[in-house]
PDB file of N, CA and C in Angstrom:
ATOM      1  N   UNK A   1      11.423 -15.357   6.506  1.00  0.00           N
ATOM      2  CA  UNK A   1       9.588 -14.636   5.737  1.00  0.00           C
ATOM      3  C   UNK A   1       9.898 -14.950   4.236  1.00  0.00           C
ATOM      4  N   UNK A   2       8.817 -15.426   4.425  1.00  0.00           N
ATOM      5  CA  UNK A   2       8.920 -14.728   2.637  1.00  0.00           C
ATOM      6  C   UNK A   2       7.068 -13.364   3.162  1.00  0.00           C
ATOM      7  N   UNK A   3       7.389 -12.427   2.015  1.00  0.00           N
ATOM      8  CA  UNK A   3       6.051 -12.255   2.412  1.00  0.00           C
ATOM      9  C   UNK A   3       5.503 -12.225   1.344  1.00  0.00           C
ATOM     10  N   UNK A   4       3.859 -11.520   1.244  1.00  0.00           N
ATOM     11  CA  UNK A   4       2.873 -12.459   0.102  1.00  0.00           C
ATOM     12  C   UNK A   4       3.711 -11.868  -1.574  1.00  0.00           C
ATOM     13  N   UNK A   5       3.308 -12.925  -2.566  1.00  0.00           N
ATOM     14  CA  UNK A   5       4.035 -11.939  -3.939  1.00  0.00           C
ATOM     15  C   UNK A   5       2.524 -11.326  -4.808  1.00  0.00           C
ATOM     16  N   UNK A   6       1.380 -11.618  -4.053  1.00  0.00           N
ATOM     17  CA  UNK A   6       0.241 -11.043  -5.171  1.00  0.00           C
ATOM     18  C   UNK A   6      -0.388 -10.606  -3.911  1.00  0.00           C
ATOM     19  N   UNK A   7      -1.883  -9.449  -4.734  1.00  0.00           N
ATOM     20  CA  UNK A   7      -2.930  -9.127  -3.832  1.00  0.00           C
ATOM     21  C   UNK A   7      -3.488 -10.125  -2.719  1.00  0.00           C
ATOM     22  N   UNK A   8      -3.702 -11.448  -2.671  1.00  0.00           N
ATOM     23  CA  UNK A   8      -4.566 -11.646  -3.016  1.00  0.00           C
ATOM     24  C   UNK A   8      -4.507 -12.800  -2.021  1.00  0.00           C
ATOM     25  N   UNK A   9      -2.595 -12.934  -2.166  1.00  0.00           N
ATOM     26  CA  UNK A   9      -2.306 -13.639  -1.079  1.00  0.00           C
ATOM     27  C   UNK A   9      -1.056 -13.126  -0.052  1.00  0.00           C
ATOM     28  N   UNK A  10      -1.359 -11.437  -0.349  1.00  0.00           N
ATOM     29  CA  UNK A  10      -1.188 -10.476   0.683  1.00  0.00           C
ATOM     30  C   UNK A  10      -2.332 -10.286   1.459  1.00  0.00           C
ATOM     31  N   UNK A  11      -3.913 -10.413   1.194  1.00  0.00           N
ATOM     32  CA  UNK A  11      -5.238 -10.629   1.845  1.00  0.00           C
ATOM     33  C   UNK A  11      -5.381 -11.477   2.729  1.00  0.00           C
ATOM     34  N   UNK A  12      -5.289 -12.535   2.069  1.00  0.00           N
ATOM     35  CA  UNK A  12      -5.330 -14.649   2.609  1.00  0.00           C
ATOM     36  C   UNK A  12      -4.157 -14.656   4.033  1.00  0.00           C
ATOM     37  N   UNK A  13      -3.151 -13.755   3.966  1.00  0.00           N
ATOM     38  CA  UNK A  13      -2.675 -14.003   5.410  1.00  0.00           C
ATOM     39  C   UNK A  13      -2.754 -12.770   5.813  1.00  0.00           C
ATOM     40  N   UNK A  14      -3.051 -11.940   5.852  1.00  0.00           N
ATOM     41  CA  UNK A  14      -3.522 -10.844   6.516  1.00  0.00           C
ATOM     42  C   UNK A  14      -4.769 -11.284   7.639  1.00  0.00           C
ATOM     43  N   UNK A  15      -5.515 -12.070   6.911  1.00  0.00           N
ATOM     44  CA  UNK A  15      -6.956 -12.724   7.408  1.00  0.00           C
ATOM     45  C   UNK A  15      -6.833 -13.284   8.679  1.00  0.00           C
ATOM     46  N   UNK A  16      -5.853 -15.055   7.259  1.00  0.00           N
ATOM     47  CA  UNK A  16      -5.365 -15.933   8.505  1.00  0.00           C
ATOM     48  C   UNK A  16      -4.793 -15.825   9.738  1.00  0.00           C
ATOM     49  N   UNK A  17      -4.171 -14.470   9.808  1.00  0.00           N
ATOM     50  CA  UNK A  17      -3.297 -13.792  10.326  1.00  0.00           C
ATOM     51  C   UNK A  17      -4.182 -12.671  11.819  1.00  0.00           C
ATOM     52  N   UNK A  18      -5.496 -12.166  10.881  1.00  0.00           N
ATOM     53  CA  UNK A  18      -6.328 -11.775  12.033  1.00  0.00           C
ATOM     54  C   UNK A  18      -5.644 -10.396  12.102  1.00  0.00           C
ATOM     55  N   UNK A  19      -5.064 -10.100  10.560  1.00  0.00           N
ATOM     56  CA  UNK A  19      -4.558  -8.614  10.956  1.00  0.00           C
ATOM     57  C   UNK A  19      -5.018  -7.494   9.866  1.00  0.00           C
ATOM     58  N   UNK A  20      -5.546  -7.767   8.894  1.00  0.00           N
ATOM     59  CA  UNK A  20      -6.583  -7.153   8.137  1.00  0.00           C
ATOM     60  C   UNK A  20      -6.044  -5.750   8.496  1.00  0.00           C
ATOM     61  N   UNK A  21      -8.093  -5.440   9.233  1.00  0.00           N
ATOM     62  CA  UNK A  21      -8.331  -4.322  10.415  1.00  0.00           C
ATOM     63  C   UNK A  21      -6.614  -3.659  10.775  1.00  0.00           C
ATOM     64  N   UNK A  22      -5.669  -4.415  10.937  1.00  0.00           N
ATOM     65  CA  UNK A  22      -4.272  -3.484  11.937  1.00  0.00           C
ATOM     66  C   UNK A  22      -3.197  -3.265  10.726  1.00  0.00           C
ATOM     67  N   UNK A  23      -3.804  -3.864   9.657  1.00  0.00           N
ATOM     68  CA  UNK A  23      -2.914  -3.311   7.637  1.00  0.00           C
ATOM     69  C   UNK A  23      -3.434  -1.973   7.754  1.00  0.00           C
ATOM     70  N   UNK A  24      -5.203  -2.000   7.674  1.00  0.00           N
ATOM     71  CA  UNK A  24      -5.968  -0.988   7.453  1.00  0.00           C
ATOM     72  C   UNK A  24      -5.785   0.528   8.500  1.00  0.00           C
ATOM     73  N   UNK A  25      -5.305   0.638   9.310  1.00  0.00           N
ATOM     74  CA  UNK A  25      -4.796   1.191  10.579  1.00  0.00           C
ATOM     75  C   UNK A  25      -3.879   1.662  10.030  1.00  0.00           C
ATOM     76  N   UNK A  26      -3.108   1.321   9.316  1.00  0.00           N
ATOM     77  CA  UNK A  26      -1.579   1.242   9.075  1.00  0.00           C
ATOM     78  C   UNK A  26      -1.097   2.230   8.133  1.00  0.00           C
ATOM     79  N   UNK A  27      -2.310   1.732   7.730  1.00  0.00           N
ATOM     80  CA  UNK A  27      -1.841   2.354   5.507  1.00  0.00           C
ATOM     81  C   UNK A  27      -2.692   4.081   5.932  1.00  0.00           C
ATOM     82  N   UNK A  28      -3.966   3.686   7.003  1.00  0.00           N
ATOM     83  CA  UNK A  28      -4.273   5.076   7.290  1.00  0.00           C
ATOM     84  C   UNK A  28      -3.638   6.250   7.677  1.00  0.00           C
ATOM     85  N   UNK A  29      -2.950   5.450   8.732  1.00  0.00           N
ATOM     86  CA  UNK A  29      -1.832   6.059   9.763  1.00  0.00           C
ATOM     87  C   UNK A  29      -0.609   7.029   8.449  1.00  0.00           C
ATOM     88  N   UNK A  30      -0.441   6.321   7.907  1.00  0.00           N
ATOM     89  CA  UNK A  30       1.167   7.053   6.641  1.00  0.00           C
ATOM     90  C   UNK A  30       0.450   7.857   6.653  1.00  0.00           C
ATOM     91  N   UNK A  31      -1.204   7.464   5.457  1.00  0.00           N
ATOM     92  CA  UNK A  31      -1.632   7.694   4.432  1.00  0.00           C
ATOM     93  C   UNK A  31      -2.090   9.506   5.045  1.00  0.00           C
ATOM     94  N   UNK A  32      -1.765   9.748   6.345  1.00  0.00           N
ATOM     95  CA  UNK A  32      -2.640  11.103   6.963  1.00  0.00           C
ATOM     96  C   UNK A  32      -1.059  11.180   7.611  1.00  0.00           C
ATOM     97  N   UNK A  33       0.190  11.131   7.880  1.00  0.00           N
ATOM     98  CA  UNK A  33       1.129  11.700   7.349  1.00  0.00           C
ATOM     99  C   UNK A  33       1.492  12.379   6.350  1.00  0.00           C
ATOM    100  N   UNK A  34       0.798  11.725   5.444  1.00  0.00           N
ATOM    101  CA  UNK A  34       1.771  12.023   4.051  1.00  0.00           C
ATOM    102  C   UNK A  34       0.667  13.418   3.100  1.00  0.00           C
ATOM    103  N   UNK A  35      -0.312  13.624   3.936  1.00  0.00           N
ATOM    104  CA  UNK A  35      -1.255  13.975   3.869  1.00  0.00           C
ATOM    105  C   UNK A  35      -1.993  13.914   2.822  1.00  0.00           C
ATOM    106  N   UNK A  36      -2.497  12.875   2.507  1.00  0.00           N
ATOM    107  CA  UNK A  36      -3.817  11.767   1.725  1.00  0.00           C
ATOM    108  C   UNK A  36      -4.772  12.046   1.817  1.00  0.00           C
ATOM    109  N   UNK A  37      -5.567  12.755   1.038  1.00  0.00           N
ATOM    110  CA  UNK A  37      -6.868  12.758   1.185  1.00  0.00           C
ATOM    111  C   UNK A  37      -7.542  11.939   1.191  1.00  0.00           C
ATOM    112  N   UNK A  38      -7.168  10.614   2.368  1.00  0.00           N
ATOM    113  CA  UNK A  38      -7.854   9.142   1.926  1.00  0.00           C
ATOM    114  C   UNK A  38      -7.659   8.641   3.214  1.00  0.00           C
ATOM    115  N   UNK A  39      -8.895   7.896   3.202  1.00  0.00           N
ATOM    116  CA  UNK A  39      -8.896   7.025   4.792  1.00  0.00           C
ATOM    117  C   UNK A  39      -9.646   5.782   4.707  1.00  0.00           C
ATOM    118  N   UNK A  40      -9.230   4.887   5.098  1.00  0.00           N
ATOM    119  CA  UNK A  40     -10.446   3.715   4.677  1.00  0.00           C
ATOM    120  C   UNK A  40     -10.710   3.227   5.706  1.00  0.00           C
ATOM    121  N   UNK A  41     -12.456   2.404   5.191  1.00  0.00           N
ATOM    122  CA  UNK A  41     -12.778   2.452   7.203  1.00  0.00           C
ATOM    123  C   UNK A  41     -12.029   0.719   7.353  1.00  0.00           C
ATOM    124  N   UNK A  42     -11.783   0.527   8.452  1.00  0.00           N
ATOM    125  CA  UNK A  42     -11.399  -1.399   8.825  1.00  0.00           C
ATOM    126  C   UNK A  42     -12.602  -1.890   8.248  1.00  0.00           C
ATOM    127  N   UNK A  43     -13.639  -2.088   7.699  1.00  0.00           N
ATOM    128  CA  UNK A  43     -15.199  -3.320   7.013  1.00  0.00           C
ATOM    129  C   UNK A  43     -14.182  -2.706   5.492  1.00  0.00           C
ATOM    130  N   UNK A  44     -13.520  -1.839   5.084  1.00  0.00           N
ATOM    131  CA  UNK A  44     -13.328  -2.070   3.751  1.00  0.00           C
ATOM    132  C   UNK A  44     -13.311  -3.788   3.050  1.00  0.00           C
ATOM    133  N   UNK A  45     -14.420  -4.089   1.661  1.00  0.00           N
ATOM    134  CA  UNK A  45     -13.451  -4.847   1.618  1.00  0.00           C
ATOM    135  C   UNK A  45     -12.340  -4.552   0.079  1.00  0.00           C
ATOM    136  N   UNK A  46     -11.183  -5.325   0.238  1.00  0.00           N
ATOM    137  CA  UNK A  46     -10.257  -6.041  -0.221  1.00  0.00           C
ATOM    138  C   UNK A  46     -10.285  -5.958  -1.097  1.00  0.00           C
ATOM    139  N   UNK A  47     -11.417  -6.100  -2.296  1.00  0.00           N
ATOM    140  CA  UNK A  47     -11.706  -5.547  -3.440  1.00  0.00           C
ATOM    141  C   UNK A  47     -11.424  -3.919  -3.417  1.00  0.00           C
ATOM    142  N   UNK A  48     -11.839  -3.241  -3.023  1.00  0.00           N
ATOM    143  CA  UNK A  48     -12.302  -1.449  -2.587  1.00  0.00           C
ATOM    144  C   UNK A  48     -11.464  -1.538  -2.547  1.00  0.00           C
ATOM    145  N   UNK A  49     -10.868  -1.771  -1.210  1.00  0.00           N
ATOM    146  CA  UNK A  49      -9.259  -0.901  -0.807  1.00  0.00           C
ATOM    147  C   UNK A  49      -7.921  -0.694  -2.111  1.00  0.00           C
ATOM    148  N   UNK A  50      -8.120  -2.396  -3.081  1.00  0.00           N
ATOM    149  CA  UNK A  50      -7.144  -2.350  -3.940  1.00  0.00           C
ATOM    150  C   UNK A  50      -7.267  -1.509  -5.117  1.00  0.00           C
ATOM    151  N   UNK A  51      -8.401  -1.289  -5.249  1.00  0.00           N
ATOM    152  CA  UNK A  51      -9.282  -0.426  -6.369  1.00  0.00           C
ATOM    153  C   UNK A  51      -9.489   0.829  -5.904  1.00  0.00           C
ATOM    154  N   UNK A  52      -9.552   1.302  -4.994  1.00  0.00           N
ATOM    155  CA  UNK A  52      -9.230   2.970  -3.932  1.00  0.00           C
ATOM    156  C   UNK A  52      -8.093   3.481  -4.194  1.00  0.00           C
ATOM    157  N   UNK A  53      -7.714   2.782  -3.214  1.00  0.00           N
ATOM    158  CA  UNK A  53      -5.992   2.958  -3.416  1.00  0.00           C
ATOM    159  C   UNK A  53      -4.959   3.473  -4.546  1.00  0.00           C
ATOM    160  N   UNK A  54      -5.150   1.959  -5.499  1.00  0.00           N
ATOM    161  CA  UNK A  54      -4.761   2.360  -7.613  1.00  0.00           C
ATOM    162  C   UNK A  54      -5.483   3.729  -7.826  1.00  0.00           C
ATOM    163  N   UNK A  55      -6.414   3.921  -7.726  1.00  0.00           N
ATOM    164  CA  UNK A  55      -6.944   5.324  -8.207  1.00  0.00           C
ATOM    165  C   UNK A  55      -6.202   6.420  -7.497  1.00  0.00           C
ATOM    166  N   UNK A  56      -6.088   6.714  -6.430  1.00  0.00           N
ATOM    167  CA  UNK A  56      -5.278   7.687  -5.302  1.00  0.00           C
ATOM    168  C   UNK A  56      -4.024   7.709  -6.243  1.00  0.00           C
ATOM    169  N   UNK A  57      -3.464   6.353  -6.061  1.00  0.00           N
ATOM    170  CA  UNK A  57      -1.851   6.324  -6.385  1.00  0.00           C
ATOM    171  C   UNK A  57      -1.915   6.780  -8.254  1.00  0.00           C
ATOM    172  N   UNK A  58      -2.800   6.334  -8.781  1.00  0.00           N
ATOM    173  CA  UNK A  58      -2.876   6.885  -9.950  1.00  0.00           C
ATOM    174  C   UNK A  58      -3.068   8.318 -10.638  1.00  0.00           C
ATOM    175  N   UNK A  59      -3.472   9.424 -10.491  1.00  0.00           N
ATOM    176  CA  UNK A  59      -3.823  10.760  -9.446  1.00  0.00           C
ATOM    177  C   UNK A  59      -2.629  11.371  -9.062  1.00  0.00           C
ATOM    178  N   UNK A  60      -1.801  10.654  -8.096  1.00  0.00           N
ATOM    179  CA  UNK A  60      -0.466  11.216  -7.761  1.00  0.00           C
ATOM    180  C   UNK A  60       0.811  11.062  -8.540  1.00  0.00           C
ATOM    181  N   UNK A  61       0.042  10.098  -9.110  1.00  0.00           N
ATOM    182  CA  UNK A  61       1.094  10.122 -10.345  1.00  0.00           C
ATOM    183  C   UNK A  61       1.067  11.622 -11.112  1.00  0.00           C
ATOM    184  N   UNK A  62       0.032  11.580 -11.549  1.00  0.00           N
ATOM    185  CA  UNK A  62      -0.172  12.399 -12.934  1.00  0.00           C
ATOM    186  C   UNK A  62      -0.370  13.538 -12.443  1.00  0.00           C
ATOM    187  N   UNK A  63      -1.614  14.191 -10.886  1.00  0.00           N
ATOM    188  CA  UNK A  63      -1.282  15.501 -10.250  1.00  0.00           C
ATOM    189  C   UNK A  63      -0.397  16.303  -9.775  1.00  0.00           C
ATOM    190  N   UNK A  64      -0.481  15.571  -9.313  1.00  0.00           N
ATOM    191  CA  UNK A  64       0.734  15.507  -7.678  1.00  0.00           C
ATOM    192  C   UNK A  64       2.165  14.817  -7.390  1.00  0.00           C
ATOM    193  N   UNK A  65       2.679  14.810  -7.919  1.00  0.00           N
ATOM    194  CA  UNK A  65       3.979  13.931  -8.141  1.00  0.00           C
ATOM    195  C   UNK A  65       5.193  14.174  -6.778  1.00  0.00           C
ATOM    196  N   UNK A  66       4.471  15.185  -6.172  1.00  0.00           N
ATOM    197  CA  UNK A  66       6.156  15.403  -5.066  1.00  0.00           C
ATOM    198  C   UNK A  66       4.977  14.213  -3.825  1.00  0.00           C
ATOM    199  N   UNK A  67       3.920  14.087  -3.606  1.00  0.00           N
ATOM    200  CA  UNK A  67       3.145  14.030  -2.770  1.00  0.00           C
ATOM    201  C   UNK A  67       2.822  12.476  -3.144  1.00  0.00           C
ATOM    202  N   UNK A  68       3.416  12.153  -3.746  1.00  0.00           N
ATOM    203  CA  UNK A  68       3.639  10.991  -4.169  1.00  0.00           C
ATOM    204  C   UNK A  68       4.732  10.798  -4.177  1.00  0.00           C
ATOM    205  N   UNK A  69       5.752  11.031  -4.227  1.00  0.00           N
ATOM    206  CA  UNK A  69       7.014  11.124  -3.600  1.00  0.00           C
ATOM    207  C   UNK A  69       7.278  10.446  -2.412  1.00  0.00           C
ATOM    208  N   UNK A  70       5.965  12.010  -1.602  1.00  0.00           N
ATOM    209  CA  UNK A  70       6.367  11.811  -0.103  1.00  0.00           C
ATOM    210  C   UNK A  70       6.135  10.609   0.490  1.00  0.00           C
ATOM    211  N   UNK A  71       4.737   9.971  -0.041  1.00  0.00           N
ATOM    212  CA  UNK A  71       3.988   9.203   0.729  1.00  0.00           C
ATOM    213  C   UNK A  71       4.629   8.238   0.386  1.00  0.00           C
ATOM    214  N   UNK A  72       5.366   7.665  -0.803  1.00  0.00           N
ATOM    215  CA  UNK A  72       7.172   6.033  -1.064  1.00  0.00           C
ATOM    216  C   UNK A  72       7.987   6.588  -0.296  1.00  0.00           C
ATOM    217  N   UNK A  73       8.315   7.557   0.354  1.00  0.00           N
ATOM    218  CA  UNK A  73       8.821   7.910   1.041  1.00  0.00           C
ATOM    219  C   UNK A  73       8.993   7.827   3.053  1.00  0.00           C
ATOM    220  N   UNK A  74       7.369   8.093   3.176  1.00  0.00           N
ATOM    221  CA  UNK A  74       7.083   8.489   4.026  1.00  0.00           C
ATOM    222  C   UNK A  74       6.834   7.065   4.205  1.00  0.00           C
ATOM    223  N   UNK A  75       5.820   5.111   4.241  1.00  0.00           N
ATOM    224  CA  UNK A  75       5.501   4.616   3.798  1.00  0.00           C
ATOM    225  C   UNK A  75       7.155   3.712   4.190  1.00  0.00           C
ATOM    226  N   UNK A  76       7.974   4.161   3.639  1.00  0.00           N
ATOM    227  CA  UNK A  76       9.330   3.911   3.179  1.00  0.00           C
ATOM    228  C   UNK A  76       9.601   2.143   2.506  1.00  0.00           C
ATOM    229  N   UNK A  77       8.108   2.566   0.880  1.00  0.00           N
ATOM    230  CA  UNK A  77       8.500   1.891   0.021  1.00  0.00           C
ATOM    231  C   UNK A  77      10.170   1.811  -0.741  1.00  0.00           C
ATOM    232  N   UNK A  78      10.253   0.834  -1.031  1.00  0.00           N
ATOM    233  CA  UNK A  78      11.850   0.614  -1.381  1.00  0.00           C
ATOM    234  C   UNK A  78      12.138   1.348  -2.975  1.00  0.00           C
ATOM    235  N   UNK A  79      13.302   2.669  -3.251  1.00  0.00           N
ATOM    236  CA  UNK A  79      13.081   2.742  -4.602  1.00  0.00           C
ATOM    237  C   UNK A  79      14.133   2.103  -5.185  1.00  0.00           C
ATOM    238  N   UNK A  80      14.496   0.900  -4.924  1.00  0.00           N
ATOM    239  CA  UNK A  80      14.848   0.236  -5.846  1.00  0.00           C
ATOM    240  C   UNK A  80      13.646  -0.641  -7.079  1.00  0.00           C
ATOM    241  N   UNK A  81      12.860  -0.853  -6.007  1.00  0.00           N
ATOM    242  CA  UNK A  81      11.577  -2.112  -6.749  1.00  0.00           C
ATOM    243  C   UNK A  81      10.798  -1.228  -7.237  1.00  0.00           C
ATOM    244  N   UNK A  82      10.477   0.493  -6.932  1.00  0.00           N
ATOM    245  CA  UNK A  82       9.889   1.115  -7.273  1.00  0.00           C
ATOM    246  C   UNK A  82       9.982   1.913  -8.838  1.00  0.00           C
ATOM    247  N   UNK A  83      11.291   1.758  -9.143  1.00  0.00           N
ATOM    248  CA  UNK A  83      12.617   1.780 -10.596  1.00  0.00           C
ATOM    249  C   UNK A  83      12.954   0.749 -11.382  1.00  0.00           C
ATOM    250  N   UNK A  84      12.437  -0.219 -10.707  1.00  0.00           N
ATOM    251  CA  UNK A  84      12.008  -1.633 -11.402  1.00  0.00           C
ATOM    252  C   UNK A  84      11.023  -1.782 -12.413  1.00  0.00           C
ATOM    253  N   UNK A  85      10.442  -1.002 -12.030  1.00  0.00           N
ATOM    254  CA  UNK A  85       8.822  -0.819 -12.192  1.00  0.00           C
ATOM    255  C   UNK A  85       8.756  -0.608 -14.436  1.00  0.00           C
ATOM    256  N   UNK A  86       8.049  -0.991 -14.458  1.00  0.00           N
ATOM    257  CA  UNK A  86       7.497  -0.027 -16.207  1.00  0.00           C
ATOM    258  C   UNK A  86       6.550   0.863 -16.301  1.00  0.00           C
ATOM    259  N   UNK A  87       7.476   2.344 -16.268  1.00  0.00           N
ATOM    260  CA  UNK A  87       6.749   3.511 -16.953  1.00  0.00           C
ATOM    261  C   UNK A  87       6.116   3.820 -17.843  1.00  0.00           C
ATOM    262  N   UNK A  88       6.191   2.800 -18.706  1.00  0.00           N
ATOM    263  CA  UNK A  88       4.852   3.141 -20.050  1.00  0.00           C
ATOM    264  C   UNK A  88       3.897   2.900 -19.179  1.00  0.00           C
ATOM    265  N   UNK A  89       2.864   1.849 -19.347  1.00  0.00           N
ATOM    266  CA  UNK A  89       1.485   2.327 -18.655  1.00  0.00           C
ATOM    267  C   UNK A  89       1.138   2.893 -17.978  1.00  0.00           C
ATOM    268  N   UNK A  90       1.307   4.060 -16.884  1.00  0.00           N
ATOM    269  CA  UNK A  90       0.875   5.074 -16.366  1.00  0.00           C
ATOM    270  C   UNK A  90      -0.610   4.081 -14.760  1.00  0.00           C
ATOM    271  N   UNK A  91      -1.315   3.336 -15.689  1.00  0.00           N
ATOM    272  CA  UNK A  91      -2.211   3.139 -14.851  1.00  0.00           C
ATOM    273  C   UNK A  91      -1.929   1.206 -14.488  1.00  0.00           C
ATOM    274  N   UNK A  92      -1.352   0.942 -14.859  1.00  0.00           N
ATOM    275  CA  UNK A  92      -0.093  -0.791 -14.829  1.00  0.00           C
ATOM    276  C   UNK A  92       1.005  -0.160 -13.643  1.00  0.00           C
ATOM    277  N   UNK A  93       1.513   1.203 -14.017  1.00  0.00           N
ATOM    278  CA  UNK A  93       2.444   1.054 -13.108  1.00  0.00           C
ATOM    279  C   UNK A  93       2.457   1.443 -11.831  1.00  0.00           C
ATOM    280  N   UNK A  94       0.328   2.435 -11.190  1.00  0.00           N
ATOM    281  CA  UNK A  94      -0.037   2.829 -10.462  1.00  0.00           C
ATOM    282  C   UNK A  94      -0.552   1.535  -9.686  1.00  0.00           C
ATOM    283  N   UNK A  95      -1.117   0.855 -10.516  1.00  0.00           N
ATOM    284  CA  UNK A  95      -1.339  -0.730 -10.018  1.00  0.00           C
ATOM    285  C   UNK A  95      -0.345  -1.616  -8.695  1.00  0.00           C
ATOM    286  N   UNK A  96       1.070  -1.663  -9.732  1.00  0.00           N
ATOM    287  CA  UNK A  96       1.887  -2.116  -8.679  1.00  0.00           C
ATOM    288  C   UNK A  96       2.717  -1.885  -8.179  1.00  0.00           C
ATOM    289  N   UNK A  97       2.751  -0.877  -7.507  1.00  0.00           N
ATOM    290  CA  UNK A  97       2.721   1.302  -6.260  1.00  0.00           C
ATOM    291  C   UNK A  97       2.136   0.088  -5.393  1.00  0.00           C
ATOM    292  N   UNK A  98       0.868  -0.062  -6.287  1.00  0.00           N
ATOM    293  CA  UNK A  98      -0.238   0.188  -5.091  1.00  0.00           C
ATOM    294  C   UNK A  98       0.131  -0.954  -3.880  1.00  0.00           C
ATOM    295  N   UNK A  99       0.171  -1.884  -4.459  1.00  0.00           N
ATOM    296  CA  UNK A  99       0.397  -3.136  -4.410  1.00  0.00           C
ATOM    297  C   UNK A  99       2.000  -3.435  -2.977  1.00  0.00           C
ATOM    298  N   UNK A 100       2.899  -2.815  -3.743  1.00  0.00           N
ATOM    299  CA  UNK A 100       4.157  -2.193  -3.044  1.00  0.00           C
ATOM    300  C   UNK A 100       3.812  -1.658  -2.228  1.00  0.00           C
ATOM    301  N   UNK A 101       2.896  -1.001  -1.795  1.00  0.00           N
ATOM    302  CA  UNK A 101       2.664  -0.210  -0.367  1.00  0.00           C
ATOM    303  C   UNK A 101       1.989  -0.724   0.497  1.00  0.00           C
ATOM    304  N   UNK A 102       1.362  -1.814  -0.022  1.00  0.00           N
ATOM    305  CA  UNK A 102       0.309  -3.203   0.597  1.00  0.00           C
ATOM    306  C   UNK A 102       1.366  -3.765   0.881  1.00  0.00           C
ATOM    307  N   UNK A 103       2.316  -4.096   0.004  1.00  0.00           N
ATOM    308  CA  UNK A 103       3.006  -5.085   0.595  1.00  0.00           C
ATOM    309  C   UNK A 103       4.228  -4.451   1.869  1.00  0.00           C
ATOM    310  N   UNK A 104       4.934  -3.541   1.721  1.00  0.00           N
ATOM    311  CA  UNK A 104       5.569  -1.645   2.684  1.00  0.00           C
ATOM    312  C   UNK A 104       4.704  -2.406   3.966  1.00  0.00           C
ATOM    313  N   UNK A 105       3.293  -1.935   4.344  1.00  0.00           N
ATOM    314  CA  UNK A 105       3.223  -2.233   4.712  1.00  0.00           C
ATOM    315  C   UNK A 105       2.248  -3.069   5.785  1.00  0.00           C
ATOM    316  N   UNK A 106       2.330  -4.223   4.873  1.00  0.00           N
ATOM    317  CA  UNK A 106       1.895  -5.072   5.796  1.00  0.00           C
ATOM    318  C   UNK A 106       3.233  -5.752   6.653  1.00  0.00           C
ATOM    319  N   UNK A 107       4.872  -5.911   6.269  1.00  0.00           N
ATOM    320  CA  UNK A 107       5.727  -5.957   6.567  1.00  0.00           C
ATOM    321  C   UNK A 107       5.438  -5.614   8.063  1.00  0.00           C
ATOM    322  N   UNK A 108       5.206  -4.151   8.558  1.00  0.00           N
ATOM    323  CA  UNK A 108       5.525  -3.340   9.549  1.00  0.00           C
ATOM    324  C   UNK A 108       4.360  -3.859  10.690  1.00  0.00           C
ATOM    325  N   UNK A 109       3.215  -4.071   9.526  1.00  0.00           N
ATOM    326  CA  UNK A 109       2.496  -4.997  10.327  1.00  0.00           C
ATOM    327  C   UNK A 109       2.945  -5.938  11.536  1.00  0.00           C
ATOM    328  N   UNK A 110       2.741  -7.171  10.293  1.00  0.00           N
ATOM    329  CA  UNK A 110       3.517  -8.298  10.707  1.00  0.00           C
ATOM    330  C   UNK A 110       4.683  -8.103  11.477  1.00  0.00           C
ATOM    331  N   UNK A 111       5.649  -7.614  11.001  1.00  0.00           N
ATOM    332  CA  UNK A 111       6.069  -7.264  12.328  1.00  0.00           C
ATOM    333  C   UNK A 111       6.675  -6.719  13.516  1.00  0.00           C
ATOM    334  N   UNK A 112       5.879  -6.226  13.938  1.00  0.00           N
ATOM    335  CA  UNK A 112       5.470  -5.091  15.374  1.00  0.00           C
ATOM    336  C   UNK A 112       3.941  -6.824  15.667  1.00  0.00           C
ATOM    337  N   UNK A 113       3.355  -7.406  15.045  1.00  0.00           N
ATOM    338  CA  UNK A 113       2.330  -8.503  15.481  1.00  0.00           C
ATOM    339  C   UNK A 113       4.172  -9.768  16.231  1.00  0.00           C
ATOM    340  N   UNK A 114       4.915  -9.489  15.382  1.00  0.00           N
ATOM    341  CA  UNK A 114       5.538 -10.989  15.237  1.00  0.00           C
ATOM    342  C   UNK A 114       6.364 -10.611  16.845  1.00  0.00           C
ATOM    343  N   UNK A 115       6.704  -9.851  17.021  1.00  0.00           N
ATOM    344  CA  UNK A 115       8.040  -9.150  17.992  1.00  0.00           C
ATOM    345  C   UNK A 115       7.067  -7.807  18.890  1.00  0.00           C
ATOM    346  N   UNK A 116       5.677  -8.441  18.815  1.00  0.00           N
ATOM    347  CA  UNK A 116       5.320  -7.623  20.193  1.00  0.00           C
ATOM    348  C   UNK A 116       4.873  -8.350  21.395  1.00  0.00           C
TER     349      UNK A 116
END
């Protein structure tokens, strides 16, 4: 299975497979487990999802780094992938980490759908 390489590809695939709501539910579940005060409505537009997640990750990196690391651990984002990102530009880093989070959540949803 080839997983999406861009945000738009990910959303397009989720919509094609009718799994966008499941993606939001999985993300909400893991945010709750990580005690992150963010809950997305299932009908949220993909652009709003991207923006709100990006802003939240940026704030976590800047102000609550331990919670940020905990979130990555709970979602099971690859440490190797995060370390490979350029940390010089925090805004860009937060955007790339947001995509890694969504990609990992998508993998969970896709596998559950495929093998259940």
